[in-house]
N, C-alpha and C. Protein backbone atom coordinates (compact mmCIF):
# COMPACT_ATOMS: atom_id res chain seq x y z
N UNK A 1 104.10 115.01 141.97
CA UNK A 1 103.41 113.75 141.77
C UNK A 1 103.57 113.32 140.32
N UNK A 2 103.86 112.02 140.12
CA UNK A 2 104.04 111.49 138.78
C UNK A 2 102.70 111.25 138.10
N UNK A 3 102.66 111.56 136.80
CA UNK A 3 101.47 111.23 136.03
C UNK A 3 101.49 109.73 135.75
N UNK A 4 100.35 109.20 135.33
CA UNK A 4 100.28 107.78 135.01
C UNK A 4 101.23 107.43 133.87
N UNK A 5 101.33 108.30 132.88
CA UNK A 5 102.24 108.06 131.75
C UNK A 5 103.68 108.00 132.22
N UNK A 6 104.07 108.94 133.07
CA UNK A 6 105.43 108.94 133.60
C UNK A 6 105.67 107.66 134.39
N UNK A 7 104.69 107.26 135.20
CA UNK A 7 104.81 106.02 135.95
C UNK A 7 105.01 104.84 135.01
N UNK A 8 104.19 104.76 133.97
CA UNK A 8 104.30 103.66 133.02
C UNK A 8 105.69 103.61 132.38
N UNK A 9 106.15 104.76 131.93
CA UNK A 9 107.42 104.79 131.22
C UNK A 9 108.62 104.55 132.12
N UNK A 10 108.60 105.06 133.34
CA UNK A 10 109.78 104.95 134.18
C UNK A 10 109.74 103.79 135.16
N UNK A 11 108.58 103.51 135.76
CA UNK A 11 108.50 102.47 136.77
C UNK A 11 108.24 101.10 136.17
N UNK A 12 107.33 101.02 135.22
CA UNK A 12 106.95 99.74 134.67
C UNK A 12 107.92 99.30 133.57
N UNK A 13 108.18 100.17 132.62
CA UNK A 13 109.02 99.81 131.49
C UNK A 13 110.50 100.06 131.73
N UNK A 14 110.82 100.97 132.58
CA UNK A 14 112.20 101.37 132.78
C UNK A 14 112.43 102.74 132.20
N UNK A 15 113.53 103.34 132.53
CA UNK A 15 113.85 104.67 132.02
C UNK A 15 114.26 104.55 130.56
N UNK A 16 113.66 105.37 129.69
CA UNK A 16 114.04 105.32 128.27
C UNK A 16 115.52 105.66 128.09
N UNK A 17 116.12 105.06 127.08
CA UNK A 17 117.50 105.38 126.72
C UNK A 17 117.52 106.74 126.02
N UNK A 18 118.68 107.35 125.95
CA UNK A 18 118.84 108.60 125.20
C UNK A 18 118.80 108.26 123.71
N UNK A 19 118.25 109.16 122.91
CA UNK A 19 118.20 108.92 121.47
C UNK A 19 118.60 110.19 120.74
N UNK A 20 118.96 110.00 119.47
CA UNK A 20 119.28 111.13 118.60
C UNK A 20 118.39 111.03 117.37
N UNK A 21 118.05 112.19 116.81
CA UNK A 21 117.19 112.25 115.62
C UNK A 21 118.00 112.49 114.37
N UNK A 22 117.57 111.88 113.29
CA UNK A 22 118.04 112.17 111.95
C UNK A 22 116.77 112.52 111.18
N UNK A 23 116.54 113.81 110.96
CA UNK A 23 115.28 114.28 110.38
C UNK A 23 115.37 114.52 108.89
N UNK A 24 114.22 114.38 108.26
CA UNK A 24 114.08 114.65 106.83
C UNK A 24 115.14 113.95 105.99
N UNK A 25 115.28 112.65 106.25
CA UNK A 25 116.20 111.84 105.46
C UNK A 25 115.79 111.98 104.00
N UNK A 26 116.76 112.06 103.11
CA UNK A 26 116.43 112.26 101.70
C UNK A 26 115.45 111.18 101.23
N UNK A 27 114.59 111.55 100.30
CA UNK A 27 113.53 110.62 99.87
C UNK A 27 114.10 109.31 99.35
N UNK A 28 113.41 108.21 99.68
CA UNK A 28 113.81 106.93 99.12
C UNK A 28 113.14 106.76 97.76
N UNK A 29 113.21 105.58 97.19
CA UNK A 29 112.70 105.39 95.83
C UNK A 29 111.20 105.62 95.71
N UNK A 30 110.46 105.59 96.85
CA UNK A 30 109.03 105.84 96.81
C UNK A 30 108.69 107.30 97.07
N UNK A 31 109.70 108.12 97.33
CA UNK A 31 109.47 109.54 97.55
C UNK A 31 109.03 109.89 98.96
N UNK A 32 109.08 108.95 99.90
CA UNK A 32 108.69 109.23 101.27
C UNK A 32 109.73 110.08 101.97
N UNK A 33 109.26 110.94 102.85
CA UNK A 33 110.18 111.62 103.76
C UNK A 33 110.29 110.75 104.99
N UNK A 34 111.46 110.71 105.58
CA UNK A 34 111.65 109.86 106.75
C UNK A 34 112.28 110.64 107.88
N UNK A 35 111.91 110.25 109.08
CA UNK A 35 112.54 110.72 110.30
C UNK A 35 112.99 109.48 111.05
N UNK A 36 114.21 109.50 111.55
CA UNK A 36 114.74 108.35 112.26
C UNK A 36 115.28 108.77 113.62
N UNK A 37 115.12 107.87 114.57
CA UNK A 37 115.73 108.05 115.88
C UNK A 37 116.61 106.83 116.13
N UNK A 38 117.79 107.09 116.66
CA UNK A 38 118.75 106.03 116.96
C UNK A 38 119.02 106.02 118.46
N UNK A 39 119.12 104.83 119.03
CA UNK A 39 119.46 104.72 120.44
C UNK A 39 120.21 103.42 120.69
N UNK A 40 120.85 103.34 121.85
CA UNK A 40 121.64 102.18 122.21
C UNK A 40 121.24 101.70 123.59
N UNK A 41 121.08 100.38 123.72
CA UNK A 41 120.80 99.75 125.01
C UNK A 41 121.71 98.53 125.13
N UNK A 42 122.50 98.51 126.19
CA UNK A 42 123.43 97.38 126.43
C UNK A 42 124.26 97.04 125.20
N UNK A 43 124.88 98.03 124.62
CA UNK A 43 125.75 97.89 123.45
C UNK A 43 125.04 97.43 122.18
N UNK A 44 123.71 97.41 122.20
CA UNK A 44 122.94 97.09 120.99
C UNK A 44 122.38 98.38 120.43
N UNK A 45 122.53 98.57 119.12
CA UNK A 45 122.04 99.76 118.44
C UNK A 45 120.66 99.49 117.86
N UNK A 46 119.76 100.47 118.03
CA UNK A 46 118.39 100.36 117.53
C UNK A 46 118.05 101.58 116.69
N UNK A 47 117.07 101.38 115.79
CA UNK A 47 116.60 102.49 114.96
C UNK A 47 115.08 102.39 114.84
N UNK A 48 114.43 103.53 115.00
CA UNK A 48 113.00 103.62 114.73
C UNK A 48 112.85 104.61 113.58
N UNK A 49 112.07 104.23 112.57
CA UNK A 49 111.91 105.03 111.37
C UNK A 49 110.43 105.36 111.16
N UNK A 50 110.15 106.63 110.93
CA UNK A 50 108.82 107.08 110.56
C UNK A 50 108.90 107.56 109.12
N UNK A 51 108.18 106.88 108.21
CA UNK A 51 108.19 107.22 106.78
C UNK A 51 106.83 107.76 106.39
N UNK A 52 106.82 108.92 105.76
CA UNK A 52 105.57 109.54 105.33
C UNK A 52 104.95 108.70 104.23
N UNK A 53 103.71 108.27 104.44
CA UNK A 53 103.01 107.49 103.41
C UNK A 53 102.04 108.37 102.65
N UNK A 54 101.78 109.59 103.14
CA UNK A 54 100.90 110.53 102.46
C UNK A 54 99.89 111.14 103.42
N UNK A 55 99.51 112.38 103.16
CA UNK A 55 98.49 113.09 103.93
C UNK A 55 98.73 113.01 105.44
N UNK A 56 99.96 113.19 105.86
CA UNK A 56 100.35 113.18 107.27
C UNK A 56 100.04 111.84 107.96
N UNK A 57 100.13 110.77 107.21
CA UNK A 57 100.05 109.42 107.74
C UNK A 57 101.43 108.82 107.63
N UNK A 58 101.85 108.11 108.68
CA UNK A 58 103.24 107.65 108.76
C UNK A 58 103.32 106.15 109.01
N UNK A 59 104.23 105.48 108.30
CA UNK A 59 104.58 104.09 108.57
C UNK A 59 105.69 104.09 109.61
N UNK A 60 105.60 103.21 110.59
CA UNK A 60 106.60 103.14 111.67
C UNK A 60 107.22 101.76 111.67
N UNK A 61 108.55 101.72 111.68
CA UNK A 61 109.28 100.46 111.83
C UNK A 61 110.39 100.68 112.84
N UNK A 62 110.74 99.64 113.56
CA UNK A 62 111.96 99.72 114.35
C UNK A 62 112.68 98.40 114.32
N UNK A 63 113.99 98.50 114.48
CA UNK A 63 114.84 97.33 114.31
C UNK A 63 116.10 97.44 115.13
N UNK A 64 116.63 96.29 115.45
CA UNK A 64 117.95 96.17 116.03
C UNK A 64 118.93 96.25 114.87
N UNK A 65 119.97 97.05 114.99
CA UNK A 65 120.95 97.18 113.91
C UNK A 65 122.13 96.26 114.21
N UNK A 66 122.51 95.48 113.23
CA UNK A 66 123.58 94.51 113.40
C UNK A 66 124.68 94.71 112.38
N UNK A 67 125.85 94.26 112.75
CA UNK A 67 127.00 94.26 111.87
C UNK A 67 126.69 93.40 110.65
N UNK A 68 127.06 93.86 109.45
CA UNK A 68 126.75 93.08 108.24
C UNK A 68 127.31 91.66 108.28
N UNK A 69 128.48 91.46 108.88
CA UNK A 69 129.04 90.10 108.95
C UNK A 69 128.19 89.20 109.83
N UNK A 70 127.69 89.75 110.96
CA UNK A 70 126.79 88.99 111.82
C UNK A 70 125.56 88.58 111.04
N UNK A 71 124.98 89.51 110.29
CA UNK A 71 123.79 89.24 109.50
C UNK A 71 124.07 88.19 108.44
N UNK A 72 125.23 88.29 107.81
CA UNK A 72 125.60 87.33 106.78
C UNK A 72 125.74 85.93 107.38
N UNK A 73 126.37 85.84 108.56
CA UNK A 73 126.52 84.56 109.23
C UNK A 73 125.17 83.98 109.63
N UNK A 74 124.25 84.82 110.12
CA UNK A 74 122.92 84.37 110.54
C UNK A 74 122.10 83.85 109.36
N UNK A 75 122.34 84.38 108.17
CA UNK A 75 121.56 84.00 107.00
C UNK A 75 122.26 82.92 106.17
N UNK A 76 123.21 82.23 106.78
CA UNK A 76 123.85 81.11 106.10
C UNK A 76 124.80 81.52 104.99
N UNK A 77 125.44 82.67 105.14
CA UNK A 77 126.43 83.10 104.17
C UNK A 77 125.89 83.91 103.02
N UNK A 78 124.58 84.13 102.98
CA UNK A 78 124.01 84.96 101.91
C UNK A 78 124.37 86.42 102.12
N UNK A 79 124.55 87.12 101.04
CA UNK A 79 124.83 88.56 101.10
C UNK A 79 123.58 89.28 101.60
N UNK A 80 123.75 90.17 102.55
CA UNK A 80 122.62 90.92 103.11
C UNK A 80 122.65 92.33 102.55
N UNK A 81 121.56 92.72 101.94
CA UNK A 81 121.41 94.08 101.44
C UNK A 81 120.15 94.65 102.05
N UNK A 82 120.26 95.82 102.65
CA UNK A 82 119.09 96.41 103.29
C UNK A 82 118.09 96.85 102.24
N UNK A 83 116.79 96.52 102.43
CA UNK A 83 115.77 96.96 101.48
C UNK A 83 115.43 98.43 101.61
N UNK A 84 116.01 99.11 102.59
CA UNK A 84 115.65 100.50 102.85
C UNK A 84 116.68 101.49 102.33
N UNK A 85 117.65 101.03 101.55
CA UNK A 85 118.64 101.92 100.98
C UNK A 85 119.51 102.56 102.05
N UNK A 86 119.80 101.82 103.11
CA UNK A 86 120.58 102.37 104.22
C UNK A 86 122.01 102.65 103.81
N UNK A 87 122.51 103.75 104.31
CA UNK A 87 123.91 104.08 104.08
C UNK A 87 124.73 103.77 105.31
N UNK A 88 124.08 103.23 106.34
CA UNK A 88 124.79 102.90 107.57
C UNK A 88 125.63 101.65 107.37
N UNK A 89 126.59 101.44 108.24
CA UNK A 89 127.40 100.24 108.14
C UNK A 89 126.76 99.08 108.90
N UNK A 90 125.56 99.29 109.43
CA UNK A 90 124.85 98.24 110.14
C UNK A 90 123.56 97.91 109.40
N UNK A 91 123.12 96.67 109.53
CA UNK A 91 121.96 96.17 108.82
C UNK A 91 120.81 95.98 109.81
N UNK A 92 119.58 96.41 109.44
CA UNK A 92 118.45 96.23 110.36
C UNK A 92 118.06 94.76 110.48
N UNK A 93 117.76 94.35 111.70
CA UNK A 93 117.28 93.00 111.97
C UNK A 93 115.95 93.12 112.69
N UNK A 94 114.89 92.52 112.16
CA UNK A 94 113.55 92.71 112.69
C UNK A 94 113.06 91.56 113.56
N UNK A 95 113.87 90.52 113.74
CA UNK A 95 113.44 89.38 114.53
C UNK A 95 113.68 89.56 116.02
N UNK A 96 113.27 88.57 116.80
CA UNK A 96 113.45 88.59 118.25
C UNK A 96 114.90 88.25 118.56
N UNK A 97 115.52 89.02 119.43
CA UNK A 97 116.92 88.80 119.73
C UNK A 97 117.19 88.36 121.16
N UNK A 98 116.23 88.49 122.04
CA UNK A 98 116.42 88.12 123.45
C UNK A 98 117.65 88.79 124.04
N UNK A 99 117.72 90.11 123.89
CA UNK A 99 118.86 90.85 124.41
C UNK A 99 118.72 91.14 125.90
N UNK A 100 117.54 90.85 126.48
CA UNK A 100 117.33 91.11 127.89
C UNK A 100 117.04 92.57 128.18
N UNK A 101 116.74 93.35 127.16
CA UNK A 101 116.53 94.79 127.31
C UNK A 101 115.15 95.23 126.85
N UNK A 102 114.22 94.32 126.75
CA UNK A 102 112.94 94.65 126.11
C UNK A 102 112.19 95.79 126.80
N UNK A 103 112.24 95.88 128.13
CA UNK A 103 111.51 96.95 128.81
C UNK A 103 112.10 98.32 128.49
N UNK A 104 113.41 98.42 128.48
CA UNK A 104 114.05 99.71 128.18
C UNK A 104 113.85 100.07 126.71
N UNK A 105 113.98 99.09 125.82
CA UNK A 105 113.76 99.33 124.39
C UNK A 105 112.33 99.80 124.16
N UNK A 106 111.37 99.11 124.75
CA UNK A 106 109.96 99.48 124.58
C UNK A 106 109.70 100.88 125.15
N UNK A 107 110.24 101.17 126.33
CA UNK A 107 110.06 102.50 126.92
C UNK A 107 110.65 103.58 126.02
N UNK A 108 111.77 103.29 125.38
CA UNK A 108 112.41 104.26 124.49
C UNK A 108 111.57 104.46 123.23
N UNK A 109 111.06 103.37 122.66
CA UNK A 109 110.21 103.48 121.47
C UNK A 109 108.96 104.32 121.80
N UNK A 110 108.33 104.06 122.94
CA UNK A 110 107.15 104.83 123.34
C UNK A 110 107.50 106.31 123.51
N UNK A 111 108.62 106.60 124.15
CA UNK A 111 109.04 107.99 124.36
C UNK A 111 109.33 108.69 123.03
N UNK A 112 109.97 107.98 122.10
CA UNK A 112 110.25 108.55 120.77
C UNK A 112 108.94 108.84 120.04
N UNK A 113 108.01 107.89 120.07
CA UNK A 113 106.72 108.10 119.41
C UNK A 113 105.97 109.26 120.04
N UNK A 114 106.06 109.37 121.35
CA UNK A 114 105.40 110.48 122.05
C UNK A 114 105.96 111.82 121.56
N UNK A 115 107.27 111.92 121.44
CA UNK A 115 107.90 113.15 120.96
C UNK A 115 107.53 113.42 119.50
N UNK A 116 107.55 112.37 118.68
CA UNK A 116 107.22 112.52 117.27
C UNK A 116 105.78 112.99 117.09
N UNK A 117 104.84 112.39 117.82
CA UNK A 117 103.43 112.77 117.73
C UNK A 117 103.23 114.21 118.17
N UNK A 118 103.91 114.62 119.24
CA UNK A 118 103.78 116.00 119.72
C UNK A 118 104.29 116.99 118.67
N UNK A 119 105.37 116.63 117.96
CA UNK A 119 105.97 117.54 116.98
C UNK A 119 105.22 117.54 115.65
N UNK A 120 104.85 116.38 115.14
CA UNK A 120 104.28 116.26 113.79
C UNK A 120 102.75 116.21 113.76
N UNK A 121 102.14 115.85 114.88
CA UNK A 121 100.67 115.73 114.95
C UNK A 121 100.12 114.92 113.77
N UNK A 122 100.62 113.69 113.59
CA UNK A 122 100.18 112.90 112.44
C UNK A 122 98.71 112.50 112.55
N UNK A 123 98.08 112.30 111.41
CA UNK A 123 96.72 111.78 111.41
C UNK A 123 96.70 110.33 111.87
N UNK A 124 97.75 109.58 111.49
CA UNK A 124 97.83 108.19 111.91
C UNK A 124 99.26 107.67 111.83
N UNK A 125 99.51 106.63 112.62
CA UNK A 125 100.77 105.88 112.60
C UNK A 125 100.42 104.45 112.25
N UNK A 126 101.11 103.88 111.26
CA UNK A 126 100.80 102.54 110.77
C UNK A 126 101.95 101.60 111.10
N UNK A 127 101.61 100.43 111.63
CA UNK A 127 102.59 99.41 112.00
C UNK A 127 102.22 98.12 111.28
N UNK A 128 103.19 97.47 110.64
CA UNK A 128 102.95 96.20 109.96
C UNK A 128 103.90 95.17 110.56
N UNK A 129 103.35 94.16 111.21
CA UNK A 129 104.17 93.14 111.89
C UNK A 129 104.70 92.09 110.93
N UNK A 130 104.31 92.16 109.66
CA UNK A 130 104.79 91.23 108.63
C UNK A 130 104.62 89.77 109.06
N UNK A 131 103.49 89.49 109.73
CA UNK A 131 103.10 88.14 110.16
C UNK A 131 104.08 87.48 111.14
N UNK A 132 104.99 88.24 111.71
CA UNK A 132 105.92 87.66 112.69
C UNK A 132 105.27 87.69 114.07
N UNK A 133 105.02 86.54 114.70
CA UNK A 133 104.23 86.48 115.94
C UNK A 133 104.72 87.39 117.07
N UNK A 134 106.01 87.46 117.29
CA UNK A 134 106.51 88.31 118.39
C UNK A 134 106.28 89.78 118.09
N UNK A 135 106.39 90.17 116.82
CA UNK A 135 106.15 91.55 116.43
C UNK A 135 104.65 91.88 116.52
N UNK A 136 103.79 90.92 116.22
CA UNK A 136 102.34 91.11 116.37
C UNK A 136 102.03 91.44 117.82
N UNK A 137 102.58 90.66 118.76
CA UNK A 137 102.34 90.91 120.19
C UNK A 137 102.88 92.27 120.61
N UNK A 138 104.05 92.60 120.11
CA UNK A 138 104.67 93.89 120.45
C UNK A 138 103.80 95.05 119.97
N UNK A 139 103.35 94.99 118.71
CA UNK A 139 102.52 96.07 118.17
C UNK A 139 101.15 96.12 118.85
N UNK A 140 100.62 94.96 119.24
CA UNK A 140 99.35 94.97 119.99
C UNK A 140 99.51 95.76 121.28
N UNK A 141 100.61 95.53 121.99
CA UNK A 141 100.86 96.27 123.23
C UNK A 141 101.08 97.75 122.95
N UNK A 142 101.80 98.03 121.89
CA UNK A 142 102.11 99.41 121.56
C UNK A 142 100.85 100.22 121.23
N UNK A 143 99.97 99.67 120.41
CA UNK A 143 98.77 100.43 120.05
C UNK A 143 97.81 100.56 121.24
N UNK A 144 97.85 99.62 122.17
CA UNK A 144 97.04 99.76 123.38
C UNK A 144 97.48 100.95 124.22
N UNK A 145 98.73 101.37 124.02
CA UNK A 145 99.28 102.50 124.77
C UNK A 145 99.05 103.83 124.06
N UNK A 146 98.27 103.85 122.98
CA UNK A 146 98.04 105.08 122.22
C UNK A 146 97.65 106.26 123.11
N UNK A 147 96.71 106.11 124.07
CA UNK A 147 96.36 107.26 124.91
C UNK A 147 97.53 107.75 125.78
N UNK A 148 98.46 106.87 126.12
CA UNK A 148 99.63 107.31 126.88
C UNK A 148 100.63 108.05 125.99
N UNK A 149 100.66 107.68 124.71
CA UNK A 149 101.52 108.39 123.76
C UNK A 149 100.97 109.80 123.57
N UNK A 150 99.65 109.90 123.39
CA UNK A 150 98.97 111.19 123.31
C UNK A 150 97.49 110.93 123.56
N UNK A 151 96.89 111.67 124.51
CA UNK A 151 95.48 111.42 124.85
C UNK A 151 94.51 111.61 123.68
N UNK A 152 94.93 112.28 122.62
CA UNK A 152 94.05 112.52 121.46
C UNK A 152 94.13 111.41 120.42
N UNK A 153 94.80 110.31 120.73
CA UNK A 153 94.98 109.20 119.79
C UNK A 153 94.39 107.92 120.36
N UNK A 154 93.97 107.03 119.46
CA UNK A 154 93.44 105.73 119.86
C UNK A 154 93.79 104.70 118.78
N UNK A 155 93.68 103.43 119.13
CA UNK A 155 93.96 102.39 118.14
C UNK A 155 92.69 102.07 117.36
N UNK A 156 92.85 101.68 116.12
CA UNK A 156 91.71 101.33 115.26
C UNK A 156 91.98 100.00 114.58
N UNK A 157 90.92 99.32 114.16
CA UNK A 157 91.05 98.05 113.45
C UNK A 157 90.50 98.12 112.03
N UNK A 158 90.13 99.33 111.59
CA UNK A 158 89.70 99.52 110.21
C UNK A 158 90.43 100.72 109.64
N UNK A 159 90.51 100.78 108.34
CA UNK A 159 91.23 101.87 107.67
C UNK A 159 90.38 102.36 106.50
N UNK A 160 90.32 103.67 106.33
CA UNK A 160 89.62 104.27 105.20
C UNK A 160 90.48 104.12 103.95
N UNK A 161 89.91 103.55 102.91
CA UNK A 161 90.65 103.36 101.66
C UNK A 161 90.60 104.69 100.89
N UNK A 162 91.77 105.26 100.57
CA UNK A 162 91.79 106.55 99.87
C UNK A 162 91.00 106.51 98.57
N UNK A 163 90.35 107.60 98.27
CA UNK A 163 89.58 107.85 97.05
C UNK A 163 88.30 107.03 96.92
N UNK A 164 88.14 105.95 97.70
CA UNK A 164 86.92 105.14 97.56
C UNK A 164 85.91 105.45 98.65
N UNK A 165 86.42 105.94 99.79
CA UNK A 165 85.53 106.24 100.90
C UNK A 165 85.08 105.00 101.66
N UNK A 166 85.57 103.81 101.28
CA UNK A 166 85.20 102.57 101.96
C UNK A 166 86.18 102.26 103.08
N UNK A 167 85.68 101.51 104.06
CA UNK A 167 86.53 101.04 105.15
C UNK A 167 87.00 99.63 104.84
N UNK A 168 88.20 99.33 105.26
CA UNK A 168 88.70 97.96 105.12
C UNK A 168 89.15 97.50 106.50
N UNK A 169 88.88 96.24 106.83
CA UNK A 169 89.36 95.66 108.08
C UNK A 169 90.85 95.38 107.94
N UNK A 170 91.58 95.67 109.01
CA UNK A 170 93.01 95.42 108.98
C UNK A 170 93.29 93.93 109.14
N UNK A 171 94.37 93.47 108.55
CA UNK A 171 94.81 92.09 108.75
C UNK A 171 95.28 91.94 110.20
N UNK A 172 95.43 90.71 110.65
CA UNK A 172 95.82 90.46 112.04
C UNK A 172 97.21 91.00 112.38
N UNK A 173 98.03 91.25 111.37
CA UNK A 173 99.38 91.75 111.65
C UNK A 173 99.55 93.23 111.31
N UNK A 174 98.44 93.95 111.11
CA UNK A 174 98.47 95.39 110.84
C UNK A 174 97.86 96.14 112.02
N UNK A 175 98.45 97.27 112.36
CA UNK A 175 97.97 98.07 113.49
C UNK A 175 98.06 99.54 113.15
N UNK A 176 97.08 100.31 113.62
CA UNK A 176 97.07 101.76 113.37
C UNK A 176 96.72 102.49 114.66
N UNK A 177 97.47 103.56 114.92
CA UNK A 177 97.12 104.53 115.95
C UNK A 177 96.65 105.76 115.21
N UNK A 178 95.45 106.24 115.55
CA UNK A 178 94.84 107.33 114.78
C UNK A 178 94.47 108.49 115.69
N UNK A 179 94.61 109.68 115.13
CA UNK A 179 94.22 110.88 115.85
C UNK A 179 92.70 110.98 115.92
N UNK A 180 92.16 111.38 117.08
CA UNK A 180 90.73 111.58 117.23
C UNK A 180 90.28 112.71 116.30
N UNK A 181 89.10 112.56 115.74
CA UNK A 181 88.59 113.61 114.84
C UNK A 181 87.63 114.52 115.57
């Protein structure tokens, strides 16, 4: 018998794509450790990155990877340089692409997060939609699935400010999945 999580991932969202891990990427200029997973759906390459922000709290981003020439053409001929110090020959694109693969991509992202949470047991995962409406909706759906990623996690709308002990309300485009205490 299938569990509800298995049903969600395979029947509702589709079967996740295969992915590969690139662990403990050398520190970037902020000194974060990063773990990345790469996968492909319908000839489109994707990357999900978990960057350590401190005290076992992780920032999560994911993007469609595009050829630098495509990115240059999309930006009106401007030179595209990745802000993440990527050594890949592809550039991350964070906008909506309408590739027709959203269910499989989402199922893969959820499966990757599930594996990452099981391995690292983070205190929290932080998502910033950068005020982009489609990304806000995507992250809203993703944090609602926190119990399916791991039953010991839930979404929160406030964050403890380090060293001050005060809580701050998250902006409308910020989302956190937090481990139960």
